[in-house]
Amino acid sequence: MTFHCIDISDALPIIENNATIVDIRDLTSFHNSHMANAVRLTNDNVQDFIDGTAKDQPVIVCCYHGNSSKGAAEYLASQGFKEVYSLNGGFSQWSAMFPEQCETGS
């Protein structure tokens, strides 16, 4: 399996199709602001995520700028997820374009 890089505008219809949004940034950054309904994924909880998430649901991986998310997306695809995306521009671009679709806290 492989993953696809998508632009911010291409993410919206995928999110509307019940995609799971995964954020791999550090805890402080995630707590300060993240994409609405995002799940923070770390080395400590990745196996629980893999075990507890339907492999046929779309997954969008978000990082700071769209670089680190590629490796995480590749890993999730290798674990059997059928539809995995890395978000080009990352959270920094998402929050600039869609500030109303961001939330704070954990």
PDB file of N, CA and C in Angstrom:
ATOM      1  N   MET A   1       0.852  -1.190   0.000  1.00  0.00           N
ATOM      2  CA  MET A   1       0.000   0.000   0.000  1.00  0.00           C
ATOM      3  C   MET A   1       0.889   1.241   0.000  1.00  0.00           C
ATOM      4  N   THR A   2       0.307   2.298  -0.485  1.00  0.00           N
ATOM      5  CA  THR A   2       1.023   3.559  -0.536  1.00  0.00           C
ATOM      6  C   THR A   2       0.111   4.661  -0.016  1.00  0.00           C
ATOM      7  N   PHE A   3       0.652   5.854   0.083  1.00  0.00           N
ATOM      8  CA  PHE A   3      -0.129   7.003   0.525  1.00  0.00           C
ATOM      9  C   PHE A   3      -0.074   8.060  -0.570  1.00  0.00           C
ATOM     10  N   HIS A   4      -0.921   9.078  -0.429  1.00  0.00           N
ATOM     11  CA  HIS A   4      -0.965  10.164  -1.399  1.00  0.00           C
ATOM     12  C   HIS A   4      -0.789  11.494  -0.679  1.00  0.00           C
ATOM     13  N   CYS A   5      -0.063  12.406  -1.293  1.00  0.00           N
ATOM     14  CA  CYS A   5       0.035  13.771  -0.783  1.00  0.00           C
ATOM     15  C   CYS A   5      -1.122  14.571  -1.362  1.00  0.00           C
ATOM     16  N   ILE A   6      -1.815  15.293  -0.510  1.00  0.00           N
ATOM     17  CA  ILE A   6      -2.950  16.092  -0.978  1.00  0.00           C
ATOM     18  C   ILE A   6      -2.800  17.525  -0.502  1.00  0.00           C
ATOM     19  N   ASP A   7      -3.362  18.430  -1.273  1.00  0.00           N
ATOM     20  CA  ASP A   7      -3.382  19.836  -0.905  1.00  0.00           C
ATOM     21  C   ASP A   7      -4.517  20.083   0.087  1.00  0.00           C
ATOM     22  N   ILE A   8      -4.415  21.201   0.774  1.00  0.00           N
ATOM     23  CA  ILE A   8      -5.407  21.564   1.794  1.00  0.00           C
ATOM     24  C   ILE A   8      -6.825  21.512   1.214  1.00  0.00           C
ATOM     25  N   SER A   9      -7.034  22.098   0.049  1.00  0.00           N
ATOM     26  CA  SER A   9      -8.379  22.148  -0.540  1.00  0.00           C
ATOM     27  C   SER A   9      -8.897  20.751  -0.872  1.00  0.00           C
ATOM     28  N   ASP A  10      -8.010  19.825  -1.195  1.00  0.00           N
ATOM     29  CA  ASP A  10      -8.433  18.460  -1.509  1.00  0.00           C
ATOM     30  C   ASP A  10      -8.801  17.668  -0.258  1.00  0.00           C
ATOM     31  N   ALA A  11      -8.403  18.146   0.901  1.00  0.00           N
ATOM     32  CA  ALA A  11      -8.679  17.430   2.147  1.00  0.00           C
ATOM     33  C   ALA A  11     -10.135  17.554   2.576  1.00  0.00           C
ATOM     34  N   LEU A  12     -10.776  18.667   2.249  1.00  0.00           N
ATOM     35  CA  LEU A  12     -12.142  18.902   2.734  1.00  0.00           C
ATOM     36  C   LEU A  12     -13.129  17.802   2.341  1.00  0.00           C
ATOM     37  N   PRO A  13     -13.214  17.402   1.062  1.00  0.00           N
ATOM     38  CA  PRO A  13     -14.170  16.332   0.742  1.00  0.00           C
ATOM     39  C   PRO A  13     -13.813  14.999   1.392  1.00  0.00           C
ATOM     40  N   ILE A  14     -12.534  14.760   1.626  1.00  0.00           N
ATOM     41  CA  ILE A  14     -12.116  13.519   2.286  1.00  0.00           C
ATOM     42  C   ILE A  14     -12.532  13.560   3.757  1.00  0.00           C
ATOM     43  N   ILE A  15     -12.367  14.710   4.388  1.00  0.00           N
ATOM     44  CA  ILE A  15     -12.794  14.871   5.784  1.00  0.00           C
ATOM     45  C   ILE A  15     -14.305  14.691   5.882  1.00  0.00           C
ATOM     46  N   GLU A  16     -15.039  15.233   4.919  1.00  0.00           N
ATOM     47  CA  GLU A  16     -16.502  15.080   4.920  1.00  0.00           C
ATOM     48  C   GLU A  16     -16.910  13.632   4.697  1.00  0.00           C
ATOM     49  N   ASN A  17     -16.003  12.808   4.183  1.00  0.00           N
ATOM     50  CA  ASN A  17     -16.257  11.387   3.957  1.00  0.00           C
ATOM     51  C   ASN A  17     -15.800  10.568   5.169  1.00  0.00           C
ATOM     52  N   ASN A  18     -15.908  11.165   6.352  1.00  0.00           N
ATOM     53  CA  ASN A  18     -15.599  10.497   7.623  1.00  0.00           C
ATOM     54  C   ASN A  18     -14.140  10.085   7.779  1.00  0.00           C
ATOM     55  N   ALA A  19     -13.248  10.898   7.263  1.00  0.00           N
ATOM     56  CA  ALA A  19     -11.823  10.614   7.441  1.00  0.00           C
ATOM     57  C   ALA A  19     -11.433  10.798   8.898  1.00  0.00           C
ATOM     58  N   THR A  20     -10.458  10.018   9.325  1.00  0.00           N
ATOM     59  CA  THR A  20      -9.824  10.205  10.616  1.00  0.00           C
ATOM     60  C   THR A  20      -8.630  11.129  10.397  1.00  0.00           C
ATOM     61  N   ILE A  21      -8.546  12.199  11.170  1.00  0.00           N
ATOM     62  CA  ILE A  21      -7.433  13.136  11.069  1.00  0.00           C
ATOM     63  C   ILE A  21      -6.445  12.807  12.185  1.00  0.00           C
ATOM     64  N   VAL A  22      -5.205  12.585  11.792  1.00  0.00           N
ATOM     65  CA  VAL A  22      -4.153  12.236  12.733  1.00  0.00           C
ATOM     66  C   VAL A  22      -3.129  13.374  12.749  1.00  0.00           C
ATOM     67  N   ASP A  23      -2.796  13.868  13.920  1.00  0.00           N
ATOM     68  CA  ASP A  23      -1.834  14.952  14.087  1.00  0.00           C
ATOM     69  C   ASP A  23      -0.610  14.391  14.806  1.00  0.00           C
ATOM     70  N   ILE A  24       0.563  14.526  14.199  1.00  0.00           N
ATOM     71  CA  ILE A  24       1.779  13.945  14.793  1.00  0.00           C
ATOM     72  C   ILE A  24       2.678  14.996  15.434  1.00  0.00           C
ATOM     73  N   ARG A  25       2.178  16.227  15.593  1.00  0.00           N
ATOM     74  CA  ARG A  25       2.985  17.275  16.213  1.00  0.00           C
ATOM     75  C   ARG A  25       3.119  17.041  17.715  1.00  0.00           C
ATOM     76  N   ASP A  26       3.983  17.823  18.347  1.00  0.00           N
ATOM     77  CA  ASP A  26       4.210  17.680  19.784  1.00  0.00           C
ATOM     78  C   ASP A  26       2.973  18.114  20.578  1.00  0.00           C
ATOM     79  N   LEU A  27       2.933  17.694  21.839  1.00  0.00           N
ATOM     80  CA  LEU A  27       1.767  17.916  22.691  1.00  0.00           C
ATOM     81  C   LEU A  27       1.424  19.393  22.846  1.00  0.00           C
ATOM     82  N   THR A  28       2.411  20.245  23.074  1.00  0.00           N
ATOM     83  CA  THR A  28       2.141  21.673  23.262  1.00  0.00           C
ATOM     84  C   THR A  28       1.514  22.285  22.019  1.00  0.00           C
ATOM     85  N   SER A  29       2.078  21.981  20.860  1.00  0.00           N
ATOM     86  CA  SER A  29       1.515  22.509  19.612  1.00  0.00           C
ATOM     87  C   SER A  29       0.092  22.009  19.402  1.00  0.00           C
ATOM     88  N   PHE A  30      -0.116  20.721  19.637  1.00  0.00           N
ATOM     89  CA  PHE A  30      -1.450  20.142  19.475  1.00  0.00           C
ATOM     90  C   PHE A  30      -2.427  20.797  20.436  1.00  0.00           C
ATOM     91  N   HIS A  31      -2.027  20.971  21.689  1.00  0.00           N
ATOM     92  CA  HIS A  31      -2.890  21.573  22.700  1.00  0.00           C
ATOM     93  C   HIS A  31      -3.241  23.022  22.337  1.00  0.00           C
ATOM     94  N   ASN A  32      -2.272  23.745  21.778  1.00  0.00           N
ATOM     95  CA  ASN A  32      -2.520  25.142  21.412  1.00  0.00           C
ATOM     96  C   ASN A  32      -3.552  25.261  20.299  1.00  0.00           C
ATOM     97  N   SER A  33      -3.483  24.382  19.321  1.00  0.00           N
ATOM     98  CA  SER A  33      -4.464  24.378  18.238  1.00  0.00           C
ATOM     99  C   SER A  33      -4.210  23.201  17.315  1.00  0.00           C
ATOM    100  N   HIS A  34      -5.302  22.615  16.804  1.00  0.00           N
ATOM    101  CA  HIS A  34      -5.212  21.504  15.862  1.00  0.00           C
ATOM    102  C   HIS A  34      -6.467  21.466  14.998  1.00  0.00           C
ATOM    103  N   MET A  35      -6.409  20.685  13.941  1.00  0.00           N
ATOM    104  CA  MET A  35      -7.577  20.511  13.081  1.00  0.00           C
ATOM    105  C   MET A  35      -8.715  19.939  13.920  1.00  0.00           C
ATOM    106  N   ALA A  36      -9.922  20.404  13.668  1.00  0.00           N
ATOM    107  CA  ALA A  36     -11.086  19.931  14.413  1.00  0.00           C
ATOM    108  C   ALA A  36     -11.185  18.408  14.332  1.00  0.00           C
ATOM    109  N   ASN A  37     -11.419  17.789  15.476  1.00  0.00           N
ATOM    110  CA  ASN A  37     -11.603  16.343  15.607  1.00  0.00           C
ATOM    111  C   ASN A  37     -10.339  15.522  15.354  1.00  0.00           C
ATOM    112  N   ALA A  38      -9.181  16.169  15.338  1.00  0.00           N
ATOM    113  CA  ALA A  38      -7.934  15.438  15.113  1.00  0.00           C
ATOM    114  C   ALA A  38      -7.575  14.583  16.323  1.00  0.00           C
ATOM    115  N   VAL A  39      -6.895  13.485  16.063  1.00  0.00           N
ATOM    116  CA  VAL A  39      -6.372  12.595  17.085  1.00  0.00           C
ATOM    117  C   VAL A  39      -4.866  12.778  17.103  1.00  0.00           C
ATOM    118  N   ARG A  40      -4.300  13.008  18.283  1.00  0.00           N
ATOM    119  CA  ARG A  40      -2.838  13.145  18.369  1.00  0.00           C
ATOM    120  C   ARG A  40      -2.227  11.753  18.391  1.00  0.00           C
ATOM    121  N   LEU A  41      -1.323  11.509  17.471  1.00  0.00           N
ATOM    122  CA  LEU A  41      -0.686  10.201  17.347  1.00  0.00           C
ATOM    123  C   LEU A  41       0.775  10.314  17.756  1.00  0.00           C
ATOM    124  N   THR A  42       1.180   9.418  18.670  1.00  0.00           N
ATOM    125  CA  THR A  42       2.559   9.392  19.155  1.00  0.00           C
ATOM    126  C   THR A  42       3.084   7.961  19.059  1.00  0.00           C
ATOM    127  N   ASN A  43       4.358   7.795  19.321  1.00  0.00           N
ATOM    128  CA  ASN A  43       4.922   6.444  19.367  1.00  0.00           C
ATOM    129  C   ASN A  43       4.247   5.603  20.451  1.00  0.00           C
ATOM    130  N   ASP A  44       3.741   6.265  21.490  1.00  0.00           N
ATOM    131  CA  ASP A  44       3.131   5.545  22.605  1.00  0.00           C
ATOM    132  C   ASP A  44       1.734   5.019  22.291  1.00  0.00           C
ATOM    133  N   ASN A  45       0.999   5.688  21.388  1.00  0.00           N
ATOM    134  CA  ASN A  45      -0.378   5.252  21.137  1.00  0.00           C
ATOM    135  C   ASN A  45      -0.615   4.766  19.705  1.00  0.00           C
ATOM    136  N   VAL A  46       0.437   4.695  18.889  1.00  0.00           N
ATOM    137  CA  VAL A  46       0.236   4.329  17.482  1.00  0.00           C
ATOM    138  C   VAL A  46      -0.312   2.908  17.340  1.00  0.00           C
ATOM    139  N   GLN A  47       0.151   1.981  18.172  1.00  0.00           N
ATOM    140  CA  GLN A  47      -0.348   0.600  18.041  1.00  0.00           C
ATOM    141  C   GLN A  47      -1.824   0.515  18.412  1.00  0.00           C
ATOM    142  N   ASP A  48      -2.239   1.241  19.449  1.00  0.00           N
ATOM    143  CA  ASP A  48      -3.659   1.278  19.810  1.00  0.00           C
ATOM    144  C   ASP A  48      -4.483   1.859  18.669  1.00  0.00           C
ATOM    145  N   PHE A  49      -3.948   2.896  18.025  1.00  0.00           N
ATOM    146  CA  PHE A  49      -4.639   3.499  16.884  1.00  0.00           C
ATOM    147  C   PHE A  49      -4.795   2.479  15.755  1.00  0.00           C
ATOM    148  N   ILE A  50      -3.712   1.787  15.434  1.00  0.00           N
ATOM    149  CA  ILE A  50      -3.740   0.795  14.354  1.00  0.00           C
ATOM    150  C   ILE A  50      -4.743  -0.308  14.679  1.00  0.00           C
ATOM    151  N   ASP A  51      -4.722  -0.782  15.925  1.00  0.00           N
ATOM    152  CA  ASP A  51      -5.613  -1.866  16.326  1.00  0.00           C
ATOM    153  C   ASP A  51      -7.078  -1.435  16.399  1.00  0.00           C
ATOM    154  N   GLY A  52      -7.318  -0.176  16.715  1.00  0.00           N
ATOM    155  CA  GLY A  52      -8.684   0.268  16.980  1.00  0.00           C
ATOM    156  C   GLY A  52      -9.347   1.081  15.884  1.00  0.00           C
ATOM    157  N   THR A  53      -8.707   1.231  14.747  1.00  0.00           N
ATOM    158  CA  THR A  53      -9.249   2.059  13.686  1.00  0.00           C
ATOM    159  C   THR A  53      -9.526   1.204  12.451  1.00  0.00           C
ATOM    160  N   ALA A  54     -10.683   1.407  11.846  1.00  0.00           N
ATOM    161  CA  ALA A  54     -11.055   0.648  10.644  1.00  0.00           C
ATOM    162  C   ALA A  54     -10.075   0.957   9.515  1.00  0.00           C
ATOM    163  N   LYS A  55      -9.557  -0.078   8.917  1.00  0.00           N
ATOM    164  CA  LYS A  55      -8.536   0.077   7.868  1.00  0.00           C
ATOM    165  C   LYS A  55      -9.115   0.614   6.564  1.00  0.00           C
ATOM    166  N   ASP A  56     -10.437   0.561   6.391  1.00  0.00           N
ATOM    167  CA  ASP A  56     -11.034   1.051   5.151  1.00  0.00           C
ATOM    168  C   ASP A  56     -11.521   2.497   5.254  1.00  0.00           C
ATOM    169  N   GLN A  57     -11.342   3.119   6.419  1.00  0.00           N
ATOM    170  CA  GLN A  57     -11.679   4.541   6.564  1.00  0.00           C
ATOM    171  C   GLN A  57     -10.500   5.395   6.108  1.00  0.00           C
ATOM    172  N   PRO A  58     -10.764   6.509   5.430  1.00  0.00           N
ATOM    173  CA  PRO A  58      -9.655   7.390   5.047  1.00  0.00           C
ATOM    174  C   PRO A  58      -8.953   7.961   6.279  1.00  0.00           C
ATOM    175  N   VAL A  59      -7.626   8.116   6.178  1.00  0.00           N
ATOM    176  CA  VAL A  59      -6.821   8.710   7.246  1.00  0.00           C
ATOM    177  C   VAL A  59      -5.997   9.840   6.638  1.00  0.00           C
ATOM    178  N   ILE A  60      -6.066  11.011   7.252  1.00  0.00           N
ATOM    179  CA  ILE A  60      -5.259  12.163   6.828  1.00  0.00           C
ATOM    180  C   ILE A  60      -4.251  12.444   7.928  1.00  0.00           C
ATOM    181  N   VAL A  61      -2.963  12.459   7.570  1.00  0.00           N
ATOM    182  CA  VAL A  61      -1.896  12.712   8.532  1.00  0.00           C
ATOM    183  C   VAL A  61      -1.434  14.153   8.390  1.00  0.00           C
ATOM    184  N   CYS A  62      -1.389  14.845   9.522  1.00  0.00           N
ATOM    185  CA  CYS A  62      -1.025  16.256   9.563  1.00  0.00           C
ATOM    186  C   CYS A  62       0.189  16.438  10.479  1.00  0.00           C
ATOM    187  N   CYS A  63       1.140  17.268  10.034  1.00  0.00           N
ATOM    188  CA  CYS A  63       2.276  17.648  10.876  1.00  0.00           C
ATOM    189  C   CYS A  63       2.381  19.175  10.829  1.00  0.00           C
ATOM    190  N   TYR A  64       3.551  19.714  11.021  1.00  0.00           N
ATOM    191  CA  TYR A  64       3.721  21.174  11.016  1.00  0.00           C
ATOM    192  C   TYR A  64       3.586  21.758   9.616  1.00  0.00           C
ATOM    193  N   HIS A  65       4.375  21.238   8.666  1.00  0.00           N
ATOM    194  CA  HIS A  65       4.445  21.837   7.331  1.00  0.00           C
ATOM    195  C   HIS A  65       4.218  20.849   6.198  1.00  0.00           C
ATOM    196  N   GLY A  66       3.982  19.577   6.505  1.00  0.00           N
ATOM    197  CA  GLY A  66       3.721  18.586   5.468  1.00  0.00           C
ATOM    198  C   GLY A  66       4.903  17.720   5.102  1.00  0.00           C
ATOM    199  N   ASN A  67       5.949  17.740   5.911  1.00  0.00           N
ATOM    200  CA  ASN A  67       7.123  16.897   5.636  1.00  0.00           C
ATOM    201  C   ASN A  67       7.116  15.620   6.472  1.00  0.00           C
ATOM    202  N   SER A  68       7.057  15.754   7.791  1.00  0.00           N
ATOM    203  CA  SER A  68       7.084  14.591   8.678  1.00  0.00           C
ATOM    204  C   SER A  68       5.873  13.680   8.476  1.00  0.00           C
ATOM    205  N   SER A  69       4.774  14.264   8.034  1.00  0.00           N
ATOM    206  CA  SER A  69       3.556  13.473   7.852  1.00  0.00           C
ATOM    207  C   SER A  69       3.726  12.412   6.772  1.00  0.00           C
ATOM    208  N   LYS A  70       4.635  12.619   5.844  1.00  0.00           N
ATOM    209  CA  LYS A  70       4.841  11.633   4.768  1.00  0.00           C
ATOM    210  C   LYS A  70       5.325  10.306   5.331  1.00  0.00           C
ATOM    211  N   GLY A  71       6.274  10.347   6.250  1.00  0.00           N
ATOM    212  CA  GLY A  71       6.771   9.114   6.852  1.00  0.00           C
ATOM    213  C   GLY A  71       5.703   8.414   7.671  1.00  0.00           C
ATOM    214  N   ALA A  72       4.930   9.179   8.413  1.00  0.00           N
ATOM    215  CA  ALA A  72       3.856   8.595   9.215  1.00  0.00           C
ATOM    216  C   ALA A  72       2.772   8.005   8.314  1.00  0.00           C
ATOM    217  N   ALA A  73       2.454   8.700   7.231  1.00  0.00           N
ATOM    218  CA  ALA A  73       1.451   8.193   6.285  1.00  0.00           C
ATOM    219  C   ALA A  73       1.933   6.896   5.639  1.00  0.00           C
ATOM    220  N   GLU A  74       3.203   6.876   5.278  1.00  0.00           N
ATOM    221  CA  GLU A  74       3.772   5.668   4.676  1.00  0.00           C
ATOM    222  C   GLU A  74       3.687   4.491   5.662  1.00  0.00           C
ATOM    223  N   TYR A  75       3.983   4.756   6.929  1.00  0.00           N
ATOM    224  CA  TYR A  75       3.917   3.714   7.942  1.00  0.00           C
ATOM    225  C   TYR A  75       2.485   3.195   8.103  1.00  0.00           C
ATOM    226  N   LEU A  76       1.508   4.096   8.197  1.00  0.00           N
ATOM    227  CA  LEU A  76       0.120   3.665   8.358  1.00  0.00           C
ATOM    228  C   LEU A  76      -0.341   2.859   7.147  1.00  0.00           C
ATOM    229  N   ALA A  77       0.062   3.275   5.957  1.00  0.00           N
ATOM    230  CA  ALA A  77      -0.287   2.513   4.754  1.00  0.00           C
ATOM    231  C   ALA A  77       0.316   1.111   4.823  1.00  0.00           C
ATOM    232  N   SER A  78       1.535   1.005   5.336  1.00  0.00           N
ATOM    233  CA  SER A  78       2.190  -0.302   5.441  1.00  0.00           C
ATOM    234  C   SER A  78       1.517  -1.192   6.489  1.00  0.00           C
ATOM    235  N   GLN A  79       0.719  -0.585   7.375  1.00  0.00           N
ATOM    236  CA  GLN A  79       0.017  -1.340   8.415  1.00  0.00           C
ATOM    237  C   GLN A  79      -1.383  -1.766   7.979  1.00  0.00           C
ATOM    238  N   GLY A  80      -1.707  -1.538   6.708  1.00  0.00           N
ATOM    239  CA  GLY A  80      -2.973  -2.039   6.172  1.00  0.00           C
ATOM    240  C   GLY A  80      -4.050  -1.006   5.935  1.00  0.00           C
ATOM    241  N   PHE A  81      -3.793   0.258   6.260  1.00  0.00           N
ATOM    242  CA  PHE A  81      -4.792   1.287   5.956  1.00  0.00           C
ATOM    243  C   PHE A  81      -4.834   1.485   4.448  1.00  0.00           C
ATOM    244  N   LYS A  82      -6.043   1.473   3.887  1.00  0.00           N
ATOM    245  CA  LYS A  82      -6.200   1.450   2.438  1.00  0.00           C
ATOM    246  C   LYS A  82      -6.177   2.836   1.795  1.00  0.00           C
ATOM    247  N   GLU A  83      -6.530   3.861   2.553  1.00  0.00           N
ATOM    248  CA  GLU A  83      -6.644   5.211   1.998  1.00  0.00           C
ATOM    249  C   GLU A  83      -5.967   6.196   2.955  1.00  0.00           C
ATOM    250  N   VAL A  84      -4.681   6.468   2.717  1.00  0.00           N
ATOM    251  CA  VAL A  84      -3.893   7.308   3.622  1.00  0.00           C
ATOM    252  C   VAL A  84      -3.366   8.512   2.854  1.00  0.00           C
ATOM    253  N   TYR A  85      -3.477   9.681   3.481  1.00  0.00           N
ATOM    254  CA  TYR A  85      -3.055  10.932   2.860  1.00  0.00           C
ATOM    255  C   TYR A  85      -2.117  11.698   3.784  1.00  0.00           C
ATOM    256  N   SER A  86      -1.134  12.351   3.186  1.00  0.00           N
ATOM    257  CA  SER A  86      -0.273  13.291   3.887  1.00  0.00           C
ATOM    258  C   SER A  86      -0.701  14.690   3.450  1.00  0.00           C
ATOM    259  N   LEU A  87      -0.912  15.567   4.419  1.00  0.00           N
ATOM    260  CA  LEU A  87      -1.436  16.904   4.141  1.00  0.00           C
ATOM    261  C   LEU A  87      -0.313  17.871   3.780  1.00  0.00           C
ATOM    262  N   ASN A  88      -0.247  18.240   2.498  1.00  0.00           N
ATOM    263  CA  ASN A  88       0.737  19.231   2.047  1.00  0.00           C
ATOM    264  C   ASN A  88       0.500  20.551   2.770  1.00  0.00           C
ATOM    265  N   GLY A  89       1.558  21.189   3.230  1.00  0.00           N
ATOM    266  CA  GLY A  89       1.429  22.464   3.940  1.00  0.00           C
ATOM    267  C   GLY A  89       1.196  22.299   5.424  1.00  0.00           C
ATOM    268  N   GLY A  90       0.754  21.111   5.829  1.00  0.00           N
ATOM    269  CA  GLY A  90       0.575  20.801   7.234  1.00  0.00           C
ATOM    270  C   GLY A  90      -0.385  21.722   7.962  1.00  0.00           C
ATOM    271  N   PHE A  91      -0.281  21.675   9.289  1.00  0.00           N
ATOM    272  CA  PHE A  91      -1.190  22.472  10.112  1.00  0.00           C
ATOM    273  C   PHE A  91      -0.986  23.964   9.906  1.00  0.00           C
ATOM    274  N   SER A  92       0.235  24.393   9.632  1.00  0.00           N
ATOM    275  CA  SER A  92       0.465  25.834   9.470  1.00  0.00           C
ATOM    276  C   SER A  92      -0.364  26.382   8.304  1.00  0.00           C
ATOM    277  N   GLN A  93      -0.436  25.663   7.209  1.00  0.00           N
ATOM    278  CA  GLN A  93      -1.238  26.124   6.072  1.00  0.00           C
ATOM    279  C   GLN A  93      -2.729  25.922   6.337  1.00  0.00           C
ATOM    280  N   TRP A  94      -3.087  24.798   6.954  1.00  0.00           N
ATOM    281  CA  TRP A  94      -4.496  24.542   7.264  1.00  0.00           C
ATOM    282  C   TRP A  94      -5.055  25.655   8.155  1.00  0.00           C
ATOM    283  N   SER A  95      -4.325  25.997   9.222  1.00  0.00           N
ATOM    284  CA  SER A  95      -4.827  26.999  10.172  1.00  0.00           C
ATOM    285  C   SER A  95      -4.912  28.382   9.533  1.00  0.00           C
ATOM    286  N   ALA A  96      -4.054  28.662   8.550  1.00  0.00           N
ATOM    287  CA  ALA A  96      -4.126  29.947   7.846  1.00  0.00           C
ATOM    288  C   ALA A  96      -5.344  30.001   6.928  1.00  0.00           C
ATOM    289  N   MET A  97      -5.666  28.871   6.310  1.00  0.00           N
ATOM    290  CA  MET A  97      -6.792  28.842   5.366  1.00  0.00           C
ATOM    291  C   MET A  97      -8.132  28.617   6.043  1.00  0.00           C
ATOM    292  N   PHE A  98      -8.148  27.805   7.110  1.00  0.00           N
ATOM    293  CA  PHE A  98      -9.399  27.427   7.753  1.00  0.00           C
ATOM    294  C   PHE A  98      -9.318  27.594   9.268  1.00  0.00           C
ATOM    295  N   PRO A  99      -9.096  28.828   9.762  1.00  0.00           N
ATOM    296  CA  PRO A  99      -8.978  29.002  11.221  1.00  0.00           C
ATOM    297  C   PRO A  99     -10.240  28.585  11.962  1.00  0.00           C
ATOM    298  N   GLU A 100     -11.389  28.668  11.293  1.00  0.00           N
ATOM    299  CA  GLU A 100     -12.652  28.293  11.940  1.00  0.00           C
ATOM    300  C   GLU A 100     -12.762  26.781  12.107  1.00  0.00           C
ATOM    301  N   GLN A 101     -11.910  26.024  11.434  1.00  0.00           N
ATOM    302  CA  GLN A 101     -11.940  24.564  11.542  1.00  0.00           C
ATOM    303  C   GLN A 101     -10.774  24.044  12.381  1.00  0.00           C
ATOM    304  N   CYS A 102     -10.381  24.857  13.364  1.00  0.00           N
ATOM    305  CA  CYS A 102      -9.332  24.478  14.304  1.00  0.00           C
ATOM    306  C   CYS A 102      -9.913  24.549  15.715  1.00  0.00           C
ATOM    307  N   GLU A 103      -9.322  23.774  16.614  1.00  0.00           N
ATOM    308  CA  GLU A 103      -9.770  23.795  18.003  1.00  0.00           C
ATOM    309  C   GLU A 103      -8.565  23.678  18.919  1.00  0.00           C
ATOM    310  N   THR A 104      -8.764  24.014  20.181  1.00  0.00           N
ATOM    311  CA  THR A 104      -7.686  23.964  21.158  1.00  0.00           C
ATOM    312  C   THR A 104      -7.980  22.867  22.179  1.00  0.00           C
ATOM    313  N   GLY A 105      -7.008  22.575  23.009  1.00  0.00           N
ATOM    314  CA  GLY A 105      -7.169  21.559  24.046  1.00  0.00           C
ATOM    315  C   GLY A 105      -6.780  20.200  23.544  1.00  0.00           C
ATOM    316  N   SER A 106      -7.065  19.202  24.346  1.00  0.00           N
ATOM    317  CA  SER A 106      -6.667  17.839  23.957  1.00  0.00           C
ATOM    318  C   SER A 106      -7.862  16.964  23.693  1.00  0.00           C
TER     319      SER A 106
END
